[in-house]
PDB file of N, CA and C in Angstrom:
ATOM      1  N   UNK A   1       4.202 -27.568  -4.853  1.00  0.00           N
ATOM      2  CA  UNK A   1       5.448 -27.100  -5.438  1.00  0.00           C
ATOM      3  C   UNK A   1       5.544 -25.741  -5.546  1.00  0.00           C
ATOM      4  N   UNK A   2       6.504 -25.072  -4.988  1.00  0.00           N
ATOM      5  CA  UNK A   2       6.579 -23.617  -5.013  1.00  0.00           C
ATOM      6  C   UNK A   2       6.940 -23.134  -6.373  1.00  0.00           C
ATOM      7  N   UNK A   3       6.750 -21.791  -6.499  1.00  0.00           N
ATOM      8  CA  UNK A   3       7.098 -21.039  -7.762  1.00  0.00           C
ATOM      9  C   UNK A   3       8.511 -21.353  -8.098  1.00  0.00           C
ATOM     10  N   UNK A   4       9.384 -21.145  -7.172  1.00  0.00           N
ATOM     11  CA  UNK A   4      10.822 -21.215  -7.349  1.00  0.00           C
ATOM     12  C   UNK A   4      11.160 -22.694  -7.856  1.00  0.00           C
ATOM     13  N   UNK A   5      10.563 -23.650  -7.267  1.00  0.00           N
ATOM     14  CA  UNK A   5      10.709 -25.082  -7.694  1.00  0.00           C
ATOM     15  C   UNK A   5      10.407 -25.259  -9.060  1.00  0.00           C
ATOM     16  N   UNK A   6       9.149 -24.734  -9.494  1.00  0.00           N
ATOM     17  CA  UNK A   6       8.802 -24.982 -10.871  1.00  0.00           C
ATOM     18  C   UNK A   6       9.733 -24.181 -11.814  1.00  0.00           C
ATOM     19  N   UNK A   7      10.230 -22.996 -11.444  1.00  0.00           N
ATOM     20  CA  UNK A   7      11.207 -22.242 -12.284  1.00  0.00           C
ATOM     21  C   UNK A   7      12.451 -22.886 -12.505  1.00  0.00           C
ATOM     22  N   UNK A   8      12.920 -23.573 -11.429  1.00  0.00           N
ATOM     23  CA  UNK A   8      14.149 -24.308 -11.495  1.00  0.00           C
ATOM     24  C   UNK A   8      14.168 -25.590 -12.454  1.00  0.00           C
ATOM     25  N   UNK A   9      12.975 -26.374 -12.311  1.00  0.00           N
ATOM     26  CA  UNK A   9      12.688 -27.346 -13.190  1.00  0.00           C
ATOM     27  C   UNK A   9      12.675 -26.964 -14.694  1.00  0.00           C
ATOM     28  N   UNK A  10      11.840 -25.805 -15.030  1.00  0.00           N
ATOM     29  CA  UNK A  10      11.817 -25.397 -16.300  1.00  0.00           C
ATOM     30  C   UNK A  10      13.222 -24.944 -16.867  1.00  0.00           C
ATOM     31  N   UNK A  11      14.075 -24.240 -16.097  1.00  0.00           N
ATOM     32  CA  UNK A  11      15.240 -23.743 -16.472  1.00  0.00           C
ATOM     33  C   UNK A  11      16.065 -24.898 -16.718  1.00  0.00           C
ATOM     34  N   UNK A  12      16.240 -25.982 -15.813  1.00  0.00           N
ATOM     35  CA  UNK A  12      16.911 -27.237 -16.021  1.00  0.00           C
ATOM     36  C   UNK A  12      16.598 -27.881 -17.256  1.00  0.00           C
ATOM     37  N   UNK A  13      15.343 -28.122 -17.555  1.00  0.00           N
ATOM     38  CA  UNK A  13      14.839 -28.774 -18.791  1.00  0.00           C
ATOM     39  C   UNK A  13      15.216 -27.867 -20.098  1.00  0.00           C
ATOM     40  N   UNK A  14      15.210 -26.596 -19.965  1.00  0.00           N
ATOM     41  CA  UNK A  14      15.671 -25.844 -21.000  1.00  0.00           C
ATOM     42  C   UNK A  14      17.062 -25.920 -21.379  1.00  0.00           C
ATOM     43  N   UNK A  15      17.991 -25.993 -20.247  1.00  0.00           N
ATOM     44  CA  UNK A  15      19.368 -26.126 -20.523  1.00  0.00           C
ATOM     45  C   UNK A  15      19.666 -27.596 -21.106  1.00  0.00           C
ATOM     46  N   UNK A  16      19.009 -28.479 -20.625  1.00  0.00           N
ATOM     47  CA  UNK A  16      19.149 -29.863 -21.177  1.00  0.00           C
ATOM     48  C   UNK A  16      18.671 -30.095 -22.700  1.00  0.00           C
ATOM     49  N   UNK A  17      17.649 -29.309 -23.022  1.00  0.00           N
ATOM     50  CA  UNK A  17      17.238 -29.227 -24.398  1.00  0.00           C
ATOM     51  C   UNK A  17      18.223 -28.528 -25.309  1.00  0.00           C
ATOM     52  N   UNK A  18      18.771 -27.392 -24.770  1.00  0.00           N
ATOM     53  CA  UNK A  18      19.819 -26.637 -25.376  1.00  0.00           C
ATOM     54  C   UNK A  18      21.073 -27.498 -25.637  1.00  0.00           C
ATOM     55  N   UNK A  19      21.377 -28.439 -24.692  1.00  0.00           N
ATOM     56  CA  UNK A  19      22.521 -29.239 -24.790  1.00  0.00           C
ATOM     57  C   UNK A  19      22.283 -30.320 -25.907  1.00  0.00           C
ATOM     58  N   UNK A  20      21.013 -30.735 -26.062  1.00  0.00           N
ATOM     59  CA  UNK A  20      20.760 -31.827 -27.036  1.00  0.00           C
ATOM     60  C   UNK A  20      20.890 -31.087 -28.436  1.00  0.00           C
ATOM     61  N   UNK A  21      20.287 -29.755 -28.414  1.00  0.00           N
ATOM     62  CA  UNK A  21      20.412 -29.039 -29.855  1.00  0.00           C
ATOM     63  C   UNK A  21      21.772 -28.877 -30.234  1.00  0.00           C
ATOM     64  N   UNK A  22      22.566 -28.453 -29.224  1.00  0.00           N
ATOM     65  CA  UNK A  22      24.056 -28.210 -29.635  1.00  0.00           C
ATOM     66  C   UNK A  22      24.638 -29.479 -29.975  1.00  0.00           C
ATOM     67  N   UNK A  23      24.532 -30.567 -29.392  1.00  0.00           N
ATOM     68  CA  UNK A  23      25.117 -31.873 -29.770  1.00  0.00           C
ATOM     69  C   UNK A  23      24.637 -32.267 -31.140  1.00  0.00           C
ATOM     70  N   UNK A  24      23.516 -32.021 -31.581  1.00  0.00           N
ATOM     71  CA  UNK A  24      22.958 -32.500 -32.690  1.00  0.00           C
ATOM     72  C   UNK A  24      23.021 -31.539 -33.837  1.00  0.00           C
ATOM     73  N   UNK A  25      23.451 -30.385 -33.600  1.00  0.00           N
ATOM     74  CA  UNK A  25      23.545 -29.271 -34.683  1.00  0.00           C
ATOM     75  C   UNK A  25      24.361 -29.616 -35.696  1.00  0.00           C
ATOM     76  N   UNK A  26      25.467 -30.256 -35.595  1.00  0.00           N
ATOM     77  CA  UNK A  26      26.325 -30.651 -36.701  1.00  0.00           C
ATOM     78  C   UNK A  26      25.651 -31.760 -37.642  1.00  0.00           C
ATOM     79  N   UNK A  27      24.636 -32.380 -37.218  1.00  0.00           N
ATOM     80  CA  UNK A  27      24.038 -33.445 -37.946  1.00  0.00           C
ATOM     81  C   UNK A  27      22.893 -32.975 -38.758  1.00  0.00           C
ATOM     82  N   UNK A  28      22.618 -31.703 -38.631  1.00  0.00           N
ATOM     83  CA  UNK A  28      21.473 -31.129 -39.438  1.00  0.00           C
ATOM     84  C   UNK A  28      22.137 -30.308 -40.412  1.00  0.00           C
ATOM     85  N   UNK A  29      22.176 -30.755 -41.669  1.00  0.00           N
ATOM     86  CA  UNK A  29      23.042 -30.217 -42.784  1.00  0.00           C
ATOM     87  C   UNK A  29      22.617 -28.769 -43.027  1.00  0.00           C
ATOM     88  N   UNK A  30      21.357 -28.232 -42.994  1.00  0.00           N
ATOM     89  CA  UNK A  30      21.172 -26.991 -43.387  1.00  0.00           C
ATOM     90  C   UNK A  30      21.246 -25.887 -42.342  1.00  0.00           C
ATOM     91  N   UNK A  31      21.327 -26.421 -41.115  1.00  0.00           N
ATOM     92  CA  UNK A  31      21.499 -25.543 -40.019  1.00  0.00           C
ATOM     93  C   UNK A  31      22.705 -24.711 -39.933  1.00  0.00           C
ATOM     94  N   UNK A  32      22.569 -23.349 -39.949  1.00  0.00           N
ATOM     95  CA  UNK A  32      23.882 -22.571 -40.161  1.00  0.00           C
ATOM     96  C   UNK A  32      24.354 -22.209 -41.468  1.00  0.00           C
ATOM     97  N   UNK A  33      23.644 -22.705 -42.525  1.00  0.00           N
ATOM     98  CA  UNK A  33      24.011 -22.518 -43.782  1.00  0.00           C
ATOM     99  C   UNK A  33      22.987 -21.995 -44.729  1.00  0.00           C
ATOM    100  N   UNK A  34      22.052 -21.311 -44.165  1.00  0.00           N
ATOM    101  CA  UNK A  34      20.921 -20.770 -44.767  1.00  0.00           C
ATOM    102  C   UNK A  34      21.176 -19.435 -45.600  1.00  0.00           C
ATOM    103  N   UNK A  35      20.420 -19.286 -46.627  1.00  0.00           N
ATOM    104  CA  UNK A  35      20.606 -18.017 -47.528  1.00  0.00           C
ATOM    105  C   UNK A  35      20.182 -16.889 -46.298  1.00  0.00           C
ATOM    106  N   UNK A  36      20.993 -15.965 -46.146  1.00  0.00           N
ATOM    107  CA  UNK A  36      20.640 -14.910 -45.258  1.00  0.00           C
ATOM    108  C   UNK A  36      21.635 -14.897 -44.119  1.00  0.00           C
ATOM    109  N   UNK A  37      22.454 -15.972 -44.002  1.00  0.00           N
ATOM    110  CA  UNK A  37      23.356 -16.095 -42.873  1.00  0.00           C
ATOM    111  C   UNK A  37      24.647 -15.424 -43.462  1.00  0.00           C
ATOM    112  N   UNK A  38      25.180 -14.506 -42.646  1.00  0.00           N
ATOM    113  CA  UNK A  38      26.374 -13.604 -42.983  1.00  0.00           C
ATOM    114  C   UNK A  38      27.637 -14.366 -42.847  1.00  0.00           C
ATOM    115  N   UNK A  39      28.514 -14.563 -43.887  1.00  0.00           N
ATOM    116  CA  UNK A  39      29.777 -15.231 -43.769  1.00  0.00           C
ATOM    117  C   UNK A  39      30.777 -14.386 -44.550  1.00  0.00           C
ATOM    118  N   UNK A  40      31.865 -13.845 -43.820  1.00  0.00           N
ATOM    119  CA  UNK A  40      32.652 -12.988 -44.539  1.00  0.00           C
ATOM    120  C   UNK A  40      34.197 -13.602 -44.084  1.00  0.00           C
ATOM    121  N   UNK A  41      34.879 -14.088 -45.198  1.00  0.00           N
ATOM    122  CA  UNK A  41      36.286 -14.574 -44.930  1.00  0.00           C
ATOM    123  C   UNK A  41      37.279 -13.863 -45.667  1.00  0.00           C
ATOM    124  N   UNK A  42      38.290 -13.312 -44.967  1.00  0.00           N
ATOM    125  CA  UNK A  42      39.457 -12.537 -45.509  1.00  0.00           C
ATOM    126  C   UNK A  42      40.649 -13.328 -45.232  1.00  0.00           C
ATOM    127  N   UNK A  43      41.745 -12.791 -45.526  1.00  0.00           N
ATOM    128  CA  UNK A  43      43.110 -13.416 -45.361  1.00  0.00           C
ATOM    129  C   UNK A  43      43.259 -13.762 -43.886  1.00  0.00           C
ATOM    130  N   UNK A  44      43.167 -12.869 -42.949  1.00  0.00           N
ATOM    131  CA  UNK A  44      43.387 -13.153 -41.618  1.00  0.00           C
ATOM    132  C   UNK A  44      42.143 -12.869 -40.707  1.00  0.00           C
ATOM    133  N   UNK A  45      40.978 -12.881 -41.291  1.00  0.00           N
ATOM    134  CA  UNK A  45      39.738 -12.702 -40.621  1.00  0.00           C
ATOM    135  C   UNK A  45      38.544 -13.459 -41.088  1.00  0.00           C
ATOM    136  N   UNK A  46      37.792 -14.015 -40.145  1.00  0.00           N
ATOM    137  CA  UNK A  46      36.563 -14.621 -40.545  1.00  0.00           C
ATOM    138  C   UNK A  46      35.510 -14.211 -39.607  1.00  0.00           C
ATOM    139  N   UNK A  47      34.363 -13.715 -40.265  1.00  0.00           N
ATOM    140  CA  UNK A  47      33.210 -13.242 -39.498  1.00  0.00           C
ATOM    141  C   UNK A  47      32.004 -14.169 -39.939  1.00  0.00           C
ATOM    142  N   UNK A  48      31.273 -14.574 -38.938  1.00  0.00           N
ATOM    143  CA  UNK A  48      30.129 -15.390 -39.341  1.00  0.00           C
ATOM    144  C   UNK A  48      28.997 -14.959 -38.370  1.00  0.00           C
ATOM    145  N   UNK A  49      27.721 -14.688 -38.884  1.00  0.00           N
ATOM    146  CA  UNK A  49      26.634 -14.233 -38.085  1.00  0.00           C
ATOM    147  C   UNK A  49      25.446 -15.016 -38.825  1.00  0.00           C
ATOM    148  N   UNK A  50      24.908 -16.085 -38.041  1.00  0.00           N
ATOM    149  CA  UNK A  50      23.724 -16.809 -38.625  1.00  0.00           C
ATOM    150  C   UNK A  50      22.507 -16.172 -38.510  1.00  0.00           C
ATOM    151  N   UNK A  51      22.315 -15.145 -39.292  1.00  0.00           N
ATOM    152  CA  UNK A  51      20.997 -14.231 -39.111  1.00  0.00           C
ATOM    153  C   UNK A  51      19.827 -15.047 -39.475  1.00  0.00           C
ATOM    154  N   UNK A  52      19.846 -15.672 -40.646  1.00  0.00           N
ATOM    155  CA  UNK A  52      18.663 -16.336 -41.109  1.00  0.00           C
ATOM    156  C   UNK A  52      18.191 -17.629 -40.136  1.00  0.00           C
ATOM    157  N   UNK A  53      19.297 -18.354 -39.754  1.00  0.00           N
ATOM    158  CA  UNK A  53      19.158 -19.409 -38.960  1.00  0.00           C
ATOM    159  C   UNK A  53      18.637 -18.933 -37.494  1.00  0.00           C
ATOM    160  N   UNK A  54      19.114 -17.877 -37.031  1.00  0.00           N
ATOM    161  CA  UNK A  54      18.626 -17.436 -35.674  1.00  0.00           C
ATOM    162  C   UNK A  54      17.144 -17.028 -35.754  1.00  0.00           C
ATOM    163  N   UNK A  55      16.598 -16.352 -36.847  1.00  0.00           N
ATOM    164  CA  UNK A  55      15.368 -16.047 -37.129  1.00  0.00           C
ATOM    165  C   UNK A  55      14.436 -17.260 -37.074  1.00  0.00           C
ATOM    166  N   UNK A  56      14.797 -18.323 -38.005  1.00  0.00           N
ATOM    167  CA  UNK A  56      14.106 -19.519 -37.974  1.00  0.00           C
ATOM    168  C   UNK A  56      13.998 -20.224 -36.752  1.00  0.00           C
ATOM    169  N   UNK A  57      15.032 -20.388 -35.954  1.00  0.00           N
ATOM    170  CA  UNK A  57      15.140 -20.908 -34.602  1.00  0.00           C
ATOM    171  C   UNK A  57      14.261 -20.188 -33.644  1.00  0.00           C
ATOM    172  N   UNK A  58      14.161 -18.932 -33.734  1.00  0.00           N
ATOM    173  CA  UNK A  58      13.432 -18.225 -32.932  1.00  0.00           C
ATOM    174  C   UNK A  58      11.944 -18.453 -33.142  1.00  0.00           C
ATOM    175  N   UNK A  59      11.592 -18.394 -34.322  1.00  0.00           N
ATOM    176  CA  UNK A  59      10.147 -18.709 -34.722  1.00  0.00           C
ATOM    177  C   UNK A  59       9.635 -20.058 -34.331  1.00  0.00           C
ATOM    178  N   UNK A  60      10.600 -21.092 -34.448  1.00  0.00           N
ATOM    179  CA  UNK A  60      10.206 -22.421 -34.105  1.00  0.00           C
ATOM    180  C   UNK A  60      10.099 -22.598 -32.584  1.00  0.00           C
ATOM    181  N   UNK A  61      11.000 -22.012 -31.852  1.00  0.00           N
ATOM    182  CA  UNK A  61      10.882 -21.957 -30.418  1.00  0.00           C
ATOM    183  C   UNK A  61       9.729 -21.244 -29.836  1.00  0.00           C
ATOM    184  N   UNK A  62       9.391 -20.102 -30.568  1.00  0.00           N
ATOM    185  CA  UNK A  62       8.219 -19.402 -30.112  1.00  0.00           C
ATOM    186  C   UNK A  62       6.929 -20.099 -30.382  1.00  0.00           C
ATOM    187  N   UNK A  63       6.899 -20.876 -31.518  1.00  0.00           N
ATOM    188  CA  UNK A  63       5.713 -21.617 -31.793  1.00  0.00           C
ATOM    189  C   UNK A  63       5.568 -22.714 -30.729  1.00  0.00           C
ATOM    190  N   UNK A  64       6.652 -23.439 -30.449  1.00  0.00           N
ATOM    191  CA  UNK A  64       6.705 -24.532 -29.408  1.00  0.00           C
ATOM    192  C   UNK A  64       6.176 -24.069 -28.046  1.00  0.00           C
ATOM    193  N   UNK A  65       6.734 -22.949 -27.623  1.00  0.00           N
ATOM    194  CA  UNK A  65       6.382 -22.307 -26.309  1.00  0.00           C
ATOM    195  C   UNK A  65       4.961 -21.830 -26.391  1.00  0.00           C
ATOM    196  N   UNK A  66       4.502 -21.229 -27.408  1.00  0.00           N
ATOM    197  CA  UNK A  66       3.031 -20.875 -27.527  1.00  0.00           C
ATOM    198  C   UNK A  66       2.156 -21.959 -27.444  1.00  0.00           C
ATOM    199  N   UNK A  67       2.537 -23.266 -28.080  1.00  0.00           N
ATOM    200  CA  UNK A  67       1.673 -24.362 -28.049  1.00  0.00           C
ATOM    201  C   UNK A  67       1.627 -25.014 -26.752  1.00  0.00           C
ATOM    202  N   UNK A  68       2.792 -24.964 -25.884  1.00  0.00           N
ATOM    203  CA  UNK A  68       2.927 -25.503 -24.642  1.00  0.00           C
ATOM    204  C   UNK A  68       1.952 -24.755 -23.572  1.00  0.00           C
ATOM    205  N   UNK A  69       1.934 -23.393 -23.862  1.00  0.00           N
ATOM    206  CA  UNK A  69       1.121 -22.538 -22.963  1.00  0.00           C
ATOM    207  C   UNK A  69      -0.506 -22.851 -23.105  1.00  0.00           C
ATOM    208  N   UNK A  70      -0.880 -23.318 -24.260  1.00  0.00           N
ATOM    209  CA  UNK A  70      -2.258 -23.579 -24.398  1.00  0.00           C
ATOM    210  C   UNK A  70      -2.808 -24.723 -23.728  1.00  0.00           C
TER     211      UNK A  70
END
């Protein structure tokens, strides 16, 4: 299998995994509501930045990828 073929398979699996995570994200109660997530609601304006959630997901994905490389 060529390098391009392997890359396309990995990218396809990553997109599929992302789709599963997005579809199940509403069923995980704490996801997106952690302390450290920034949420500002005003009269005509809402701003949401899931800072803590992004950091946790980044650490988990980094750990998974690190384990897969070994």
